């Protein structure tokens, strides 16, 4: 598969979960990849797995200088930047909105929303130096259809979904911006969505609510990110794409 041949991508949150799957899928599609994560060792391990056309950096997405340094690394090592894939995110166990702590609320918005904004702000000049490019942002179906106990998280993802739409308008015509809106996916973060009580039962009940009869896998989101980042999606921007097995229908 060469849908991203000769493209250069930065993948945030790339040490695990959806970010890792996206980095792997981008590399398989022909892209050179800079894998970034707060877990620097994890990012380095993924880059090593991907081979000589991958690099890594420890990046806190809430740090503007760290985001800028990742862009500089991509240009230094590969000469350009064509794609930004924003995957870094945070949630907590379901908590009634009135019981959420101020620190937790701030942390969720700082990572999920401000982190995306800082990453995009750092990447746009480099994307334009390359003649344009594509940005994919991992939002959530919960940004369109929320659940009790996720006031902070769902609100942050609603902000991300709308941020993607706004950026699509502002950065056109040379930069496309699309948003992936997955349902809770089978990653290490899944237990936080399901809650600490009866995790096995909660998992089965959740699967029972998905028409396609299974949990989303990181590769489901990664494959969509490849498509939306490729020239095959050249006329798509401002899309918030549900990847939820039909759960939101």
Protein backbone atom coordinates (compact mmCIF):
# COMPACT_ATOMS: atom_id res chain seq x y z
CA UNK A 1 0.00 0.00 0.00
CA UNK A 2 1.55 3.32 -1.06
CA UNK A 3 -1.26 5.80 -0.39
CA UNK A 4 1.18 8.01 1.55
CA UNK A 5 4.32 7.37 -0.48
CA UNK A 6 6.94 10.13 0.00
CA UNK A 7 4.79 11.88 2.61
CA UNK A 8 6.15 12.91 6.02
CA UNK A 9 3.88 12.67 9.05
CA UNK A 10 3.93 13.54 12.72
CA UNK A 11 1.82 11.25 14.90
CA UNK A 12 1.14 12.46 18.44
CA UNK A 13 0.27 9.99 21.16
CA UNK A 14 2.11 7.44 19.04
CA UNK A 15 3.48 5.17 21.75
CA UNK A 16 0.28 3.17 22.24
CA UNK A 17 -3.32 2.64 21.26
CA UNK A 18 -4.76 4.52 18.31
CA UNK A 19 -1.63 6.63 17.91
CA UNK A 20 0.62 3.61 17.65
CA UNK A 21 -1.70 1.92 15.17
CA UNK A 22 -1.75 5.12 13.11
CA UNK A 23 2.04 5.37 13.06
CA UNK A 24 2.26 1.75 11.91
CA UNK A 25 -0.41 2.27 9.24
CA UNK A 26 1.22 5.46 7.96
CA UNK A 27 4.58 3.72 7.63
CA UNK A 28 2.98 0.75 5.86
CA UNK A 29 1.37 3.22 3.44
CA UNK A 30 4.78 4.64 2.54
CA UNK A 31 5.14 7.64 4.85
CA UNK A 32 8.13 8.68 6.91
CA UNK A 33 6.89 9.13 10.46
CA UNK A 34 7.89 11.14 13.51
CA UNK A 35 6.35 9.36 16.50
CA UNK A 36 5.78 11.60 19.50
CA UNK A 37 4.46 10.85 22.96
CA UNK A 38 4.82 11.93 26.57
CA UNK A 39 6.19 8.39 26.96
CA UNK A 40 9.46 9.00 25.16
CA UNK A 41 10.70 5.45 25.56
CA UNK A 42 7.47 4.08 24.12
CA UNK A 43 7.67 6.45 21.17
CA UNK A 44 11.27 5.40 20.55
CA UNK A 45 10.28 1.73 20.62
CA UNK A 46 7.59 2.29 17.99
CA UNK A 47 9.99 4.26 15.79
CA UNK A 48 12.57 1.50 16.07
CA UNK A 49 9.94 -1.02 15.03
CA UNK A 50 9.06 1.08 11.98
CA UNK A 51 12.66 1.23 10.80
CA UNK A 52 14.94 3.82 9.19
CA UNK A 53 12.16 6.09 7.93
CA UNK A 54 10.90 6.80 11.46
CA UNK A 55 12.08 9.06 14.26
CA UNK A 56 10.74 9.73 17.74
CA UNK A 57 10.50 12.54 20.25
CA UNK A 58 9.23 12.89 23.79
CA UNK A 59 6.51 15.53 23.52
CA UNK A 60 4.05 16.91 26.03
CA UNK A 61 1.34 18.20 23.70
CA UNK A 62 0.48 20.95 26.20
CA UNK A 63 3.99 22.40 25.74
CA UNK A 64 4.16 24.74 22.73
CA UNK A 65 7.94 24.50 22.49
CA UNK A 66 7.85 20.70 22.45
CA UNK A 67 5.31 20.72 19.62
CA UNK A 68 7.46 23.15 17.65
CA UNK A 69 10.51 20.96 18.24
CA UNK A 70 8.72 17.93 16.78
CA UNK A 71 7.97 19.90 13.62
CA UNK A 72 11.58 21.02 13.41
CA UNK A 73 12.70 17.40 13.79
CA UNK A 74 10.48 16.30 10.91
CA UNK A 75 11.88 18.98 8.62
CA UNK A 76 15.45 18.36 9.72
CA UNK A 77 15.30 14.60 9.28
CA UNK A 78 12.98 14.29 6.28
CA UNK A 79 13.02 17.73 4.66
CA UNK A 80 9.30 18.49 4.88
CA UNK A 81 6.01 17.90 6.68
CA UNK A 82 2.83 16.78 4.91
CA UNK A 83 0.61 15.26 7.60
CA UNK A 84 -0.22 15.90 11.25
CA UNK A 85 -2.15 13.21 13.10
CA UNK A 86 -3.33 14.30 16.57
CA UNK A 87 -4.04 11.29 18.79
CA UNK A 88 -2.89 12.28 22.28
CA UNK A 89 -5.77 12.36 24.73
CA UNK A 90 -6.86 11.81 28.31
CA UNK A 91 -9.94 10.76 30.22
CA UNK A 92 -10.83 9.47 33.67
CA UNK A 93 -13.34 7.08 35.19
CA UNK A 94 -16.99 8.10 34.78
CA UNK A 95 -17.70 10.85 37.30
CA UNK A 96 -20.86 12.93 37.75
CA UNK A 97 -20.08 16.33 36.30
CA UNK A 98 -20.79 18.14 39.55
CA UNK A 99 -18.34 15.85 41.35
CA UNK A 100 -15.43 16.30 38.95
CA UNK A 101 -12.43 18.05 40.44
CA UNK A 102 -11.21 21.32 39.00
CA UNK A 103 -7.78 19.80 38.40
CA UNK A 104 -9.22 16.87 36.42
CA UNK A 105 -11.47 19.15 34.36
CA UNK A 106 -8.53 21.41 33.53
CA UNK A 107 -6.25 18.50 32.68
CA UNK A 108 -8.75 16.97 30.28
CA UNK A 109 -9.23 20.24 28.39
CA UNK A 110 -5.54 21.08 28.46
CA UNK A 111 -4.56 17.78 26.81
CA UNK A 112 -7.56 17.11 24.58
CA UNK A 113 -8.21 20.62 23.28
CA UNK A 114 -5.25 22.91 23.92
CA UNK A 115 -2.85 20.12 22.98
CA UNK A 116 -4.48 19.80 19.56
CA UNK A 117 -4.46 23.57 19.03
CA UNK A 118 -0.77 23.86 19.92
CA UNK A 119 0.13 20.97 17.63
CA UNK A 120 -1.78 22.43 14.70
CA UNK A 121 -0.36 25.90 15.31
CA UNK A 122 3.18 24.49 15.22
CA UNK A 123 2.58 22.35 12.12
CA UNK A 124 0.73 24.73 9.79
CA UNK A 125 3.75 26.81 8.67
CA UNK A 126 5.68 23.62 7.83
CA UNK A 127 2.71 22.13 6.00
CA UNK A 128 2.49 25.30 3.92
CA UNK A 129 6.22 25.20 3.19
CA UNK A 130 5.54 21.77 1.68
CA UNK A 131 2.73 23.15 -0.48
CA UNK A 132 -0.11 22.14 1.79
CA UNK A 133 -1.13 19.00 3.60
CA UNK A 134 -3.61 17.15 5.76
CA UNK A 135 -4.44 17.17 9.45
CA UNK A 136 -6.45 14.45 11.16
CA UNK A 137 -7.63 14.90 14.72
CA UNK A 138 -9.00 12.15 16.93
CA UNK A 139 -12.16 13.51 18.49
CA UNK A 140 -14.89 11.17 19.72
CA UNK A 141 -18.41 10.11 18.96
CA UNK A 142 -19.01 11.33 22.51
CA UNK A 143 -18.46 14.82 21.19
CA UNK A 144 -21.67 14.35 19.21
CA UNK A 145 -23.62 12.12 21.59
CA UNK A 146 -22.62 12.17 25.25
CA UNK A 147 -23.22 9.84 28.21
CA UNK A 148 -23.70 10.49 31.93
CA UNK A 149 -20.45 10.71 33.84
CA UNK A 150 -18.40 12.23 31.05
CA UNK A 151 -19.16 15.94 31.32
CA UNK A 152 -15.54 17.04 31.06
CA UNK A 153 -14.41 14.46 28.51
CA UNK A 154 -17.43 14.73 26.22
CA UNK A 155 -17.30 18.51 26.33
CA UNK A 156 -13.61 18.46 25.44
CA UNK A 157 -14.30 16.18 22.48
CA UNK A 158 -17.20 18.34 21.31
CA UNK A 159 -14.72 21.21 21.35
CA UNK A 160 -12.23 19.14 19.34
CA UNK A 161 -14.85 18.13 16.78
CA UNK A 162 -15.81 21.79 16.27
CA UNK A 163 -12.19 22.93 16.31
CA UNK A 164 -11.55 20.60 13.38
CA UNK A 165 -14.48 22.05 11.47
CA UNK A 166 -13.34 25.61 12.16
CA UNK A 167 -9.76 24.87 11.15
CA UNK A 168 -11.01 23.25 7.95
CA UNK A 169 -12.61 26.54 6.97
CA UNK A 170 -9.72 28.72 8.07
CA UNK A 171 -6.88 26.66 6.59
CA UNK A 172 -8.47 25.91 3.21
CA UNK A 173 -7.68 25.65 0.38
CA UNK A 174 -4.17 24.30 0.94
CA UNK A 175 -4.59 22.36 4.19
CA UNK A 176 -7.38 19.86 4.78
CA UNK A 177 -8.56 19.17 8.33
CA UNK A 178 -10.73 16.21 9.28
CA UNK A 179 -11.80 14.65 12.55
CA UNK A 180 -12.14 10.98 13.47
CA UNK A 181 -14.92 10.29 15.95
CA UNK A 182 -14.47 6.77 17.32
CA UNK A 183 -16.57 4.99 19.87
CA UNK A 184 -14.71 3.69 22.94
CA UNK A 185 -11.98 1.57 21.40
CA UNK A 186 -10.19 -1.57 22.57
CA UNK A 187 -7.09 0.13 24.00
CA UNK A 188 -5.55 0.53 27.43
CA UNK A 189 -7.93 3.46 28.04
CA UNK A 190 -11.06 1.32 27.61
CA UNK A 191 -11.39 0.37 31.32
CA UNK A 192 -11.63 4.07 32.17
CA UNK A 193 -14.64 4.46 29.89
CA UNK A 194 -16.30 1.32 31.23
CA UNK A 195 -15.74 2.19 34.88
CA UNK A 196 -14.17 0.21 37.74
CA UNK A 197 -17.24 -1.88 38.63
CA UNK A 198 -17.79 -5.22 36.86
CA UNK A 199 -15.41 -4.49 33.95
CA UNK A 200 -16.10 -7.81 32.19
CA UNK A 201 -19.86 -7.32 32.35
CA UNK A 202 -19.57 -3.67 31.30
CA UNK A 203 -17.48 -4.73 28.31
CA UNK A 204 -20.08 -7.24 27.16
CA UNK A 205 -22.93 -4.79 27.63
CA UNK A 206 -21.07 -2.20 25.63
CA UNK A 207 -20.41 -4.63 22.80
CA UNK A 208 -24.12 -5.47 22.85
CA UNK A 209 -24.90 -1.81 22.10
CA UNK A 210 -22.84 -1.78 18.89
CA UNK A 211 -24.76 -2.95 15.80
CA UNK A 212 -21.65 -4.48 14.19
CA UNK A 213 -21.22 -6.62 17.29
CA UNK A 214 -17.65 -5.86 18.31
CA UNK A 215 -15.45 -3.21 19.85
CA UNK A 216 -13.57 -0.79 17.66
CA UNK A 217 -9.92 -1.68 17.19
CA UNK A 218 -7.10 0.88 16.92
CA UNK A 219 -6.55 -0.23 13.33
CA UNK A 220 -10.12 0.79 12.43
CA UNK A 221 -9.27 4.39 13.29
CA UNK A 222 -5.77 4.18 11.81
CA UNK A 223 -7.08 2.98 8.45
CA UNK A 224 -9.47 5.93 8.31
CA UNK A 225 -6.60 8.27 9.16
CA UNK A 226 -4.58 6.90 6.24
CA UNK A 227 -7.46 7.52 3.85
CA UNK A 228 -8.22 11.03 5.08
CA UNK A 229 -4.51 11.92 4.94
CA UNK A 230 -4.09 10.63 1.40
CA UNK A 231 -4.69 12.24 -1.97
CA UNK A 232 -7.68 9.90 -2.39
CA UNK A 233 -9.51 12.19 0.07
CA UNK A 234 -8.41 15.38 -1.69
CA UNK A 235 -11.95 16.82 -1.72
CA UNK A 236 -12.76 16.03 1.92
CA UNK A 237 -12.31 18.61 4.64
CA UNK A 238 -14.29 19.54 7.74
CA UNK A 239 -15.56 15.95 8.08
CA UNK A 240 -16.29 14.50 11.53
CA UNK A 241 -16.30 10.80 10.71
CA UNK A 242 -18.08 8.42 13.11
CA UNK A 243 -16.11 5.20 13.53
CA UNK A 244 -18.46 3.43 15.90
CA UNK A 245 -19.88 0.29 14.32
CA UNK A 246 -23.25 2.01 13.93
CA UNK A 247 -23.71 2.82 17.61
CA UNK A 248 -24.67 6.44 17.00
CA UNK A 249 -27.21 5.71 14.26
